[in-house]
Amino acid sequence: MKILLVEDDRSLIRGISFALKKDGFQVEYSDSLKEARISFDNGKFDLVLLDVNLPDGLGFDFCEEVRRYSDVPIIFLTAAQSELDIMNGLDIGGDDYIIKPFSVGVLISRVNAILRRTKKEVGSTVIISKDIKLYENKMKLEVGGKDIDLSKIEIKLVQYFMNNPQIILSKYKILSAIWDIEGDFVDENVVAVNIGRLRNKIEKDKSNPEYIQNIRGVGYIWSQGCAKQ
């Protein structure tokens, strides 16, 4: 497995590279967007670790460029922790968002979790819930017969909900299922942000959701029944 690390902090580069190599990964690093573009164009990577603030621009821009032609997993590494920053990073195609400072051990766990998840085979079932149709083999969602553009995390979320309809799911269960790791490794904000984005795309009235409802103090529930074909 080969990882591209895009980071300009030399001490972080050394620490992350050492830990990844110790865990069996090959690591190539770039300390600018210019170098990252060259490395990505010339190499084949299984995952990208991407700092947001780089000397010659924003990692968000690089992520958008990569997403035009590649679905390689991308994890943002950044000190920017506002909800708007997290939403932006995930909305443009990031798979995860790790806030600095962080434990290198946690980073390795998140890397391994995403790589495990992206390797899993997708089923061939079609799941229907009222006017929503999920094609699991294509990871495609239709609402009222119209295709809905979802991020990887959003499609995983709706898949998890539709496979567990009318069951109250705690944030911990959602974290464990979608991120495939212990819940305390992930900021719970990430769950709320992604569910908010998903509601915006599938609900007619997000203030009075028909599908994903919040059970205060407990978690979330897909309130409609689902049928598989």
C-alpha atoms as a PDB file:
ATOM      1  CA  MET A   1       0.000   0.000   0.000  1.00  0.00           C
ATOM      2  CA  LYS A   2       1.360   3.381  -1.016  1.00  0.00           C
ATOM      3  CA  ILE A   3       0.421   6.671   0.645  1.00  0.00           C
ATOM      4  CA  LEU A   4       1.004  10.232  -0.523  1.00  0.00           C
ATOM      5  CA  LEU A   5       1.599  12.562   2.438  1.00  0.00           C
ATOM      6  CA  VAL A   6       1.124  16.239   1.586  1.00  0.00           C
ATOM      7  CA  GLU A   7       2.406  18.240   4.561  1.00  0.00           C
ATOM      8  CA  ASP A   8       4.861  21.109   5.094  1.00  0.00           C
ATOM      9  CA  ASP A   9       5.670  20.534   8.791  1.00  0.00           C
ATOM     10  CA  ARG A  10       8.978  18.627   8.775  1.00  0.00           C
ATOM     11  CA  SER A  11       8.541  17.170  12.265  1.00  0.00           C
ATOM     12  CA  LEU A  12       5.085  15.842  11.333  1.00  0.00           C
ATOM     13  CA  ILE A  13       6.442  14.425   8.081  1.00  0.00           C
ATOM     14  CA  ARG A  14       9.123  12.524   9.989  1.00  0.00           C
ATOM     15  CA  GLY A  15       6.725  11.230  12.659  1.00  0.00           C
ATOM     16  CA  ILE A  16       3.941  10.196  10.296  1.00  0.00           C
ATOM     17  CA  SER A  17       6.309   8.668   7.729  1.00  0.00           C
ATOM     18  CA  PHE A  18       8.109   6.637  10.410  1.00  0.00           C
ATOM     19  CA  ALA A  19       4.835   5.300  11.846  1.00  0.00           C
ATOM     20  CA  LEU A  20       3.366   4.444   8.444  1.00  0.00           C
ATOM     21  CA  LYS A  21       6.507   2.679   7.264  1.00  0.00           C
ATOM     22  CA  LYS A  22       6.646   0.748  10.523  1.00  0.00           C
ATOM     23  CA  ASP A  23       3.080  -0.388   9.793  1.00  0.00           C
ATOM     24  CA  GLY A  24       4.118  -1.655   6.363  1.00  0.00           C
ATOM     25  CA  PHE A  25       3.143   1.258   4.126  1.00  0.00           C
ATOM     26  CA  GLN A  26       5.218   2.907   1.433  1.00  0.00           C
ATOM     27  CA  VAL A  27       5.248   6.686   1.881  1.00  0.00           C
ATOM     28  CA  GLU A  28       5.995   9.484  -0.546  1.00  0.00           C
ATOM     29  CA  TYR A  29       5.722  13.044   0.715  1.00  0.00           C
ATOM     30  CA  SER A  30       5.326  16.494  -0.803  1.00  0.00           C
ATOM     31  CA  ASP A  31       5.568  19.777   1.091  1.00  0.00           C
ATOM     32  CA  SER A  32       3.666  21.907  -1.451  1.00  0.00           C
ATOM     33  CA  LEU A  33       0.728  21.657  -3.829  1.00  0.00           C
ATOM     34  CA  LYS A  34       3.069  21.940  -6.792  1.00  0.00           C
ATOM     35  CA  GLU A  35       5.048  18.875  -5.672  1.00  0.00           C
ATOM     36  CA  ALA A  36       1.854  17.019  -4.726  1.00  0.00           C
ATOM     37  CA  ARG A  37       0.419  17.455  -8.233  1.00  0.00           C
ATOM     38  CA  ILE A  38       3.611  16.113  -9.816  1.00  0.00           C
ATOM     39  CA  SER A  39       3.777  13.152  -7.396  1.00  0.00           C
ATOM     40  CA  PHE A  40       0.123  12.245  -7.864  1.00  0.00           C
ATOM     41  CA  ASP A  41       0.309  12.457 -11.654  1.00  0.00           C
ATOM     42  CA  ASN A  42       3.410  10.265 -11.749  1.00  0.00           C
ATOM     43  CA  GLY A  43       2.508   7.675  -9.131  1.00  0.00           C
ATOM     44  CA  LYS A  44      -0.254   5.305  -8.089  1.00  0.00           C
ATOM     45  CA  PHE A  45      -1.431   5.827  -4.512  1.00  0.00           C
ATOM     46  CA  ASP A  46      -3.881   3.947  -2.312  1.00  0.00           C
ATOM     47  CA  LEU A  47      -4.566   6.922  -0.027  1.00  0.00           C
ATOM     48  CA  VAL A  48      -3.688  10.615   0.363  1.00  0.00           C
ATOM     49  CA  LEU A  49      -3.006  12.375   3.678  1.00  0.00           C
ATOM     50  CA  LEU A  50      -3.570  16.032   2.913  1.00  0.00           C
ATOM     51  CA  ASP A  51      -2.799  19.142   4.963  1.00  0.00           C
ATOM     52  CA  VAL A  52      -5.224  22.014   4.340  1.00  0.00           C
ATOM     53  CA  ASN A  53      -2.883  24.996   4.687  1.00  0.00           C
ATOM     54  CA  LEU A  54       0.175  24.663   2.454  1.00  0.00           C
ATOM     55  CA  PRO A  55       2.766  27.269   1.397  1.00  0.00           C
ATOM     56  CA  ASP A  56       1.348  27.656  -2.113  1.00  0.00           C
ATOM     57  CA  GLY A  57      -2.376  27.148  -1.530  1.00  0.00           C
ATOM     58  CA  LEU A  58      -5.126  25.087   0.099  1.00  0.00           C
ATOM     59  CA  GLY A  59      -5.378  21.329   0.239  1.00  0.00           C
ATOM     60  CA  PHE A  60      -9.090  21.747  -0.515  1.00  0.00           C
ATOM     61  CA  ASP A  61      -8.119  22.865  -4.039  1.00  0.00           C
ATOM     62  CA  PHE A  62      -5.944  19.789  -4.545  1.00  0.00           C
ATOM     63  CA  CYS A  63      -8.767  17.535  -3.318  1.00  0.00           C
ATOM     64  CA  GLU A  64     -11.176  19.043  -5.857  1.00  0.00           C
ATOM     65  CA  GLU A  65      -8.628  18.527  -8.638  1.00  0.00           C
ATOM     66  CA  VAL A  66      -8.074  14.877  -7.676  1.00  0.00           C
ATOM     67  CA  ARG A  67     -11.813  14.175  -7.450  1.00  0.00           C
ATOM     68  CA  ARG A  68     -12.264  15.115 -11.118  1.00  0.00           C
ATOM     69  CA  TYR A  69     -10.589  11.864 -12.143  1.00  0.00           C
ATOM     70  CA  SER A  70      -9.861   9.715  -9.081  1.00  0.00           C
ATOM     71  CA  ASP A  71     -11.748   8.250  -6.104  1.00  0.00           C
ATOM     72  CA  VAL A  72      -8.575   7.565  -4.076  1.00  0.00           C
ATOM     73  CA  PRO A  73      -9.368   7.969  -0.339  1.00  0.00           C
ATOM     74  CA  ILE A  74      -8.341  11.382   1.040  1.00  0.00           C
ATOM     75  CA  ILE A  75      -7.877  12.226   4.732  1.00  0.00           C
ATOM     76  CA  PHE A  76      -7.483  15.897   5.632  1.00  0.00           C
ATOM     77  CA  LEU A  77      -4.967  16.792   8.354  1.00  0.00           C
ATOM     78  CA  THR A  78      -5.539  20.290   9.694  1.00  0.00           C
ATOM     79  CA  ALA A  79      -5.774  22.629  12.657  1.00  0.00           C
ATOM     80  CA  ALA A  80      -8.904  24.178  11.119  1.00  0.00           C
ATOM     81  CA  GLN A  81     -11.750  22.734  13.185  1.00  0.00           C
ATOM     82  CA  SER A  82     -14.808  24.872  12.502  1.00  0.00           C
ATOM     83  CA  GLU A  83     -17.978  23.136  11.338  1.00  0.00           C
ATOM     84  CA  LEU A  84     -17.746  25.060   8.057  1.00  0.00           C
ATOM     85  CA  ASP A  85     -14.212  23.737   7.425  1.00  0.00           C
ATOM     86  CA  ILE A  86     -15.303  20.159   8.168  1.00  0.00           C
ATOM     87  CA  MET A  87     -18.369  20.479   5.936  1.00  0.00           C
ATOM     88  CA  ASN A  88     -16.274  21.919   3.112  1.00  0.00           C
ATOM     89  CA  GLY A  89     -13.645  19.190   3.350  1.00  0.00           C
ATOM     90  CA  LEU A  90     -16.201  16.389   3.323  1.00  0.00           C
ATOM     91  CA  ASP A  91     -18.456  17.997   0.739  1.00  0.00           C
ATOM     92  CA  ILE A  92     -15.698  18.338  -1.870  1.00  0.00           C
ATOM     93  CA  GLY A  93     -14.781  14.663  -1.585  1.00  0.00           C
ATOM     94  CA  GLY A  94     -12.693  14.115   1.550  1.00  0.00           C
ATOM     95  CA  ASP A  95     -13.217  10.760   3.266  1.00  0.00           C
ATOM     96  CA  ASP A  96     -12.136  11.848   6.737  1.00  0.00           C
ATOM     97  CA  TYR A  97     -11.010  14.953   8.609  1.00  0.00           C
ATOM     98  CA  ILE A  98      -8.435  14.723  11.421  1.00  0.00           C
ATOM     99  CA  ILE A  99      -7.837  17.776  13.587  1.00  0.00           C
ATOM    100  CA  LYS A 100      -4.329  18.651  14.764  1.00  0.00           C
ATOM    101  CA  PRO A 101      -2.816  17.847  17.182  1.00  0.00           C
ATOM    102  CA  PHE A 102      -3.561  14.138  16.893  1.00  0.00           C
ATOM    103  CA  SER A 103      -2.109  10.836  18.003  1.00  0.00           C
ATOM    104  CA  VAL A 104      -0.106   9.061  15.296  1.00  0.00           C
ATOM    105  CA  GLY A 105      -1.601   5.801  16.553  1.00  0.00           C
ATOM    106  CA  VAL A 106      -5.107   7.126  15.942  1.00  0.00           C
ATOM    107  CA  LEU A 107      -4.058   8.300  12.474  1.00  0.00           C
ATOM    108  CA  ILE A 108      -2.814   4.809  11.597  1.00  0.00           C
ATOM    109  CA  SER A 109      -6.114   3.323  12.808  1.00  0.00           C
ATOM    110  CA  ARG A 110      -8.083   5.774  10.659  1.00  0.00           C
ATOM    111  CA  VAL A 111      -5.899   4.998   7.624  1.00  0.00           C
ATOM    112  CA  ASN A 112      -6.368   1.246   8.075  1.00  0.00           C
ATOM    113  CA  ALA A 113     -10.124   1.680   8.619  1.00  0.00           C
ATOM    114  CA  ILE A 114     -10.621   3.632   5.414  1.00  0.00           C
ATOM    115  CA  LEU A 115      -8.508   1.204   3.412  1.00  0.00           C
ATOM    116  CA  ARG A 116     -10.524  -1.733   4.791  1.00  0.00           C
ATOM    117  CA  ARG A 117     -13.776   0.005   3.964  1.00  0.00           C
ATOM    118  CA  THR A 118     -12.820   0.904   0.409  1.00  0.00           C
ATOM    119  CA  LYS A 119     -11.816  -2.709  -0.248  1.00  0.00           C
ATOM    120  CA  LYS A 120     -15.156  -4.165   0.842  1.00  0.00           C
ATOM    121  CA  GLU A 121     -17.263  -5.579  -1.956  1.00  0.00           C
ATOM    122  CA  VAL A 122     -20.570  -3.891  -2.557  1.00  0.00           C
ATOM    123  CA  GLY A 123     -23.729  -5.985  -2.627  1.00  0.00           C
ATOM    124  CA  SER A 124     -26.127  -6.143  -5.553  1.00  0.00           C
ATOM    125  CA  THR A 125     -29.354  -5.316  -3.711  1.00  0.00           C
ATOM    126  CA  VAL A 126     -31.812  -2.566  -4.570  1.00  0.00           C
ATOM    127  CA  ILE A 127     -33.418  -1.089  -1.446  1.00  0.00           C
ATOM    128  CA  ILE A 128     -36.643   0.915  -1.724  1.00  0.00           C
ATOM    129  CA  SER A 129     -38.119   3.258   0.884  1.00  0.00           C
ATOM    130  CA  LYS A 130     -41.138   5.251  -0.350  1.00  0.00           C
ATOM    131  CA  ASP A 131     -39.738   7.389  -3.218  1.00  0.00           C
ATOM    132  CA  ILE A 132     -36.079   6.611  -2.425  1.00  0.00           C
ATOM    133  CA  LYS A 133     -34.243   3.847  -4.264  1.00  0.00           C
ATOM    134  CA  LEU A 134     -30.694   2.714  -3.369  1.00  0.00           C
ATOM    135  CA  TYR A 135     -28.730   0.607  -5.886  1.00  0.00           C
ATOM    136  CA  GLU A 136     -26.043  -0.965  -3.705  1.00  0.00           C
ATOM    137  CA  ASN A 137     -24.095  -2.472  -6.600  1.00  0.00           C
ATOM    138  CA  LYS A 138     -23.652   0.972  -8.166  1.00  0.00           C
ATOM    139  CA  MET A 139     -23.639   2.937  -4.890  1.00  0.00           C
ATOM    140  CA  LYS A 140     -26.302   5.074  -6.543  1.00  0.00           C
ATOM    141  CA  LEU A 141     -29.292   6.807  -4.953  1.00  0.00           C
ATOM    142  CA  GLU A 142     -32.492   8.012  -6.582  1.00  0.00           C
ATOM    143  CA  VAL A 143     -35.092  10.268  -4.977  1.00  0.00           C
ATOM    144  CA  GLY A 144     -38.332  10.554  -6.904  1.00  0.00           C
ATOM    145  CA  GLY A 145     -36.635   8.973  -9.916  1.00  0.00           C
ATOM    146  CA  LYS A 146     -33.820  11.547  -9.963  1.00  0.00           C
ATOM    147  CA  ASP A 147     -30.166  10.691  -9.336  1.00  0.00           C
ATOM    148  CA  ILE A 148     -28.751  12.323  -6.197  1.00  0.00           C
ATOM    149  CA  ASP A 149     -25.056  13.194  -6.074  1.00  0.00           C
ATOM    150  CA  LEU A 150     -23.659  11.922  -2.756  1.00  0.00           C
ATOM    151  CA  SER A 151     -20.183  11.763  -1.260  1.00  0.00           C
ATOM    152  CA  LYS A 152     -18.724   8.366  -0.297  1.00  0.00           C
ATOM    153  CA  ILE A 153     -19.568   8.915   3.359  1.00  0.00           C
ATOM    154  CA  GLU A 154     -23.103  10.049   2.539  1.00  0.00           C
ATOM    155  CA  ILE A 155     -23.779   6.957   0.430  1.00  0.00           C
ATOM    156  CA  LYS A 156     -22.396   4.748   3.219  1.00  0.00           C
ATOM    157  CA  LEU A 157     -24.666   6.534   5.702  1.00  0.00           C
ATOM    158  CA  VAL A 158     -27.829   6.105   3.645  1.00  0.00           C
ATOM    159  CA  GLN A 159     -26.883   2.473   2.985  1.00  0.00           C
ATOM    160  CA  TYR A 160     -26.463   1.849   6.725  1.00  0.00           C
ATOM    161  CA  PHE A 161     -29.762   3.535   7.566  1.00  0.00           C
ATOM    162  CA  MET A 162     -31.702   1.720   4.833  1.00  0.00           C
ATOM    163  CA  ASN A 163     -30.279  -1.626   5.915  1.00  0.00           C
ATOM    164  CA  ASN A 164     -31.418  -0.847   9.475  1.00  0.00           C
ATOM    165  CA  PRO A 165     -34.811   0.851   9.028  1.00  0.00           C
ATOM    166  CA  GLN A 166     -36.997   1.915  11.951  1.00  0.00           C
ATOM    167  CA  ILE A 167     -34.216   1.131  14.427  1.00  0.00           C
ATOM    168  CA  ILE A 168     -32.747   3.814  16.692  1.00  0.00           C
ATOM    169  CA  LEU A 169     -29.018   4.054  15.946  1.00  0.00           C
ATOM    170  CA  SER A 170     -26.718   5.765  18.429  1.00  0.00           C
ATOM    171  CA  LYS A 171     -23.912   8.028  17.255  1.00  0.00           C
ATOM    172  CA  TYR A 172     -21.468   5.396  18.495  1.00  0.00           C
ATOM    173  CA  LYS A 173     -23.083   2.694  16.323  1.00  0.00           C
ATOM    174  CA  ILE A 174     -23.000   4.993  13.316  1.00  0.00           C
ATOM    175  CA  LEU A 175     -19.357   5.892  13.930  1.00  0.00           C
ATOM    176  CA  SER A 176     -18.386   2.244  14.310  1.00  0.00           C
ATOM    177  CA  ALA A 177     -20.286   1.171  11.194  1.00  0.00           C
ATOM    178  CA  ILE A 178     -19.345   3.978   8.817  1.00  0.00           C
ATOM    179  CA  TRP A 179     -15.845   4.771   9.964  1.00  0.00           C
ATOM    180  CA  ASP A 180     -15.213   1.112  10.982  1.00  0.00           C
ATOM    181  CA  ILE A 181     -13.262   2.134  14.089  1.00  0.00           C
ATOM    182  CA  GLU A 182     -13.814   2.954  17.734  1.00  0.00           C
ATOM    183  CA  GLY A 183     -16.165   5.888  18.035  1.00  0.00           C
ATOM    184  CA  ASP A 184     -13.942   7.986  20.290  1.00  0.00           C
ATOM    185  CA  PHE A 185     -11.412   8.258  17.441  1.00  0.00           C
ATOM    186  CA  VAL A 186     -13.799  10.472  15.493  1.00  0.00           C
ATOM    187  CA  ASP A 187     -15.265  13.830  16.440  1.00  0.00           C
ATOM    188  CA  GLU A 188     -19.036  13.295  16.806  1.00  0.00           C
ATOM    189  CA  ASN A 189     -19.450  16.567  14.909  1.00  0.00           C
ATOM    190  CA  VAL A 190     -18.501  14.658  11.756  1.00  0.00           C
ATOM    191  CA  VAL A 191     -21.587  12.439  12.148  1.00  0.00           C
ATOM    192  CA  ALA A 192     -23.934  15.393  12.622  1.00  0.00           C
ATOM    193  CA  VAL A 193     -22.382  17.306   9.720  1.00  0.00           C
ATOM    194  CA  ASN A 194     -22.695  14.367   7.324  1.00  0.00           C
ATOM    195  CA  ILE A 195     -26.267  13.594   8.363  1.00  0.00           C
ATOM    196  CA  GLY A 196     -27.106  17.270   7.898  1.00  0.00           C
ATOM    197  CA  ARG A 197     -25.646  17.226   4.397  1.00  0.00           C
ATOM    198  CA  LEU A 198     -27.513  14.004   3.576  1.00  0.00           C
ATOM    199  CA  ARG A 199     -30.811  15.461   4.789  1.00  0.00           C
ATOM    200  CA  ASN A 200     -30.302  18.493   2.568  1.00  0.00           C
ATOM    201  CA  LYS A 201     -30.152  16.178  -0.433  1.00  0.00           C
ATOM    202  CA  ILE A 202     -32.936  13.679   0.300  1.00  0.00           C
ATOM    203  CA  GLU A 203     -35.511  15.449   2.471  1.00  0.00           C
ATOM    204  CA  LYS A 204     -38.249  17.651   1.043  1.00  0.00           C
ATOM    205  CA  ASP A 205     -38.305  19.624   4.300  1.00  0.00           C
ATOM    206  CA  LYS A 206     -35.106  19.229   6.343  1.00  0.00           C
ATOM    207  CA  SER A 207     -36.730  20.986   9.325  1.00  0.00           C
ATOM    208  CA  ASN A 208     -39.370  18.238   9.367  1.00  0.00           C
ATOM    209  CA  PRO A 209     -37.500  15.203   8.000  1.00  0.00           C
ATOM    210  CA  GLU A 210     -39.485  12.315   6.567  1.00  0.00           C
ATOM    211  CA  TYR A 211     -36.651   9.787   6.544  1.00  0.00           C
ATOM    212  CA  ILE A 212     -33.768  10.528   8.948  1.00  0.00           C
ATOM    213  CA  GLN A 213     -35.154  11.692  12.267  1.00  0.00           C
ATOM    214  CA  ASN A 214     -33.225  12.748  15.344  1.00  0.00           C
ATOM    215  CA  ILE A 215     -34.046  11.000  18.626  1.00  0.00           C
ATOM    216  CA  ARG A 216     -32.885  13.599  21.099  1.00  0.00           C
ATOM    217  CA  GLY A 217     -30.139  12.404  23.405  1.00  0.00           C
ATOM    218  CA  VAL A 218     -30.132   8.936  21.809  1.00  0.00           C
ATOM    219  CA  GLY A 219     -29.272   9.045  18.106  1.00  0.00           C
ATOM    220  CA  TYR A 220     -31.015   8.806  14.737  1.00  0.00           C
ATOM    221  CA  ILE A 221     -33.616   6.615  13.041  1.00  0.00           C
ATOM    222  CA  TRP A 222     -34.636   5.911   9.454  1.00  0.00           C
ATOM    223  CA  SER A 223     -38.332   6.267  10.171  1.00  0.00           C
ATOM    224  CA  GLN A 224     -39.720   4.685   6.979  1.00  0.00           C
ATOM    225  CA  GLY A 225     -39.889   1.011   6.126  1.00  0.00           C
ATOM    226  CA  CYS A 226     -37.552  -0.474   3.514  1.00  0.00           C
ATOM    227  CA  ALA A 227     -37.971  -3.334   1.032  1.00  0.00           C
ATOM    228  CA  LYS A 228     -35.184  -5.187  -0.813  1.00  0.00           C
ATOM    229  CA  GLN A 229     -35.342  -6.409  -4.394  1.00  0.00           C
END
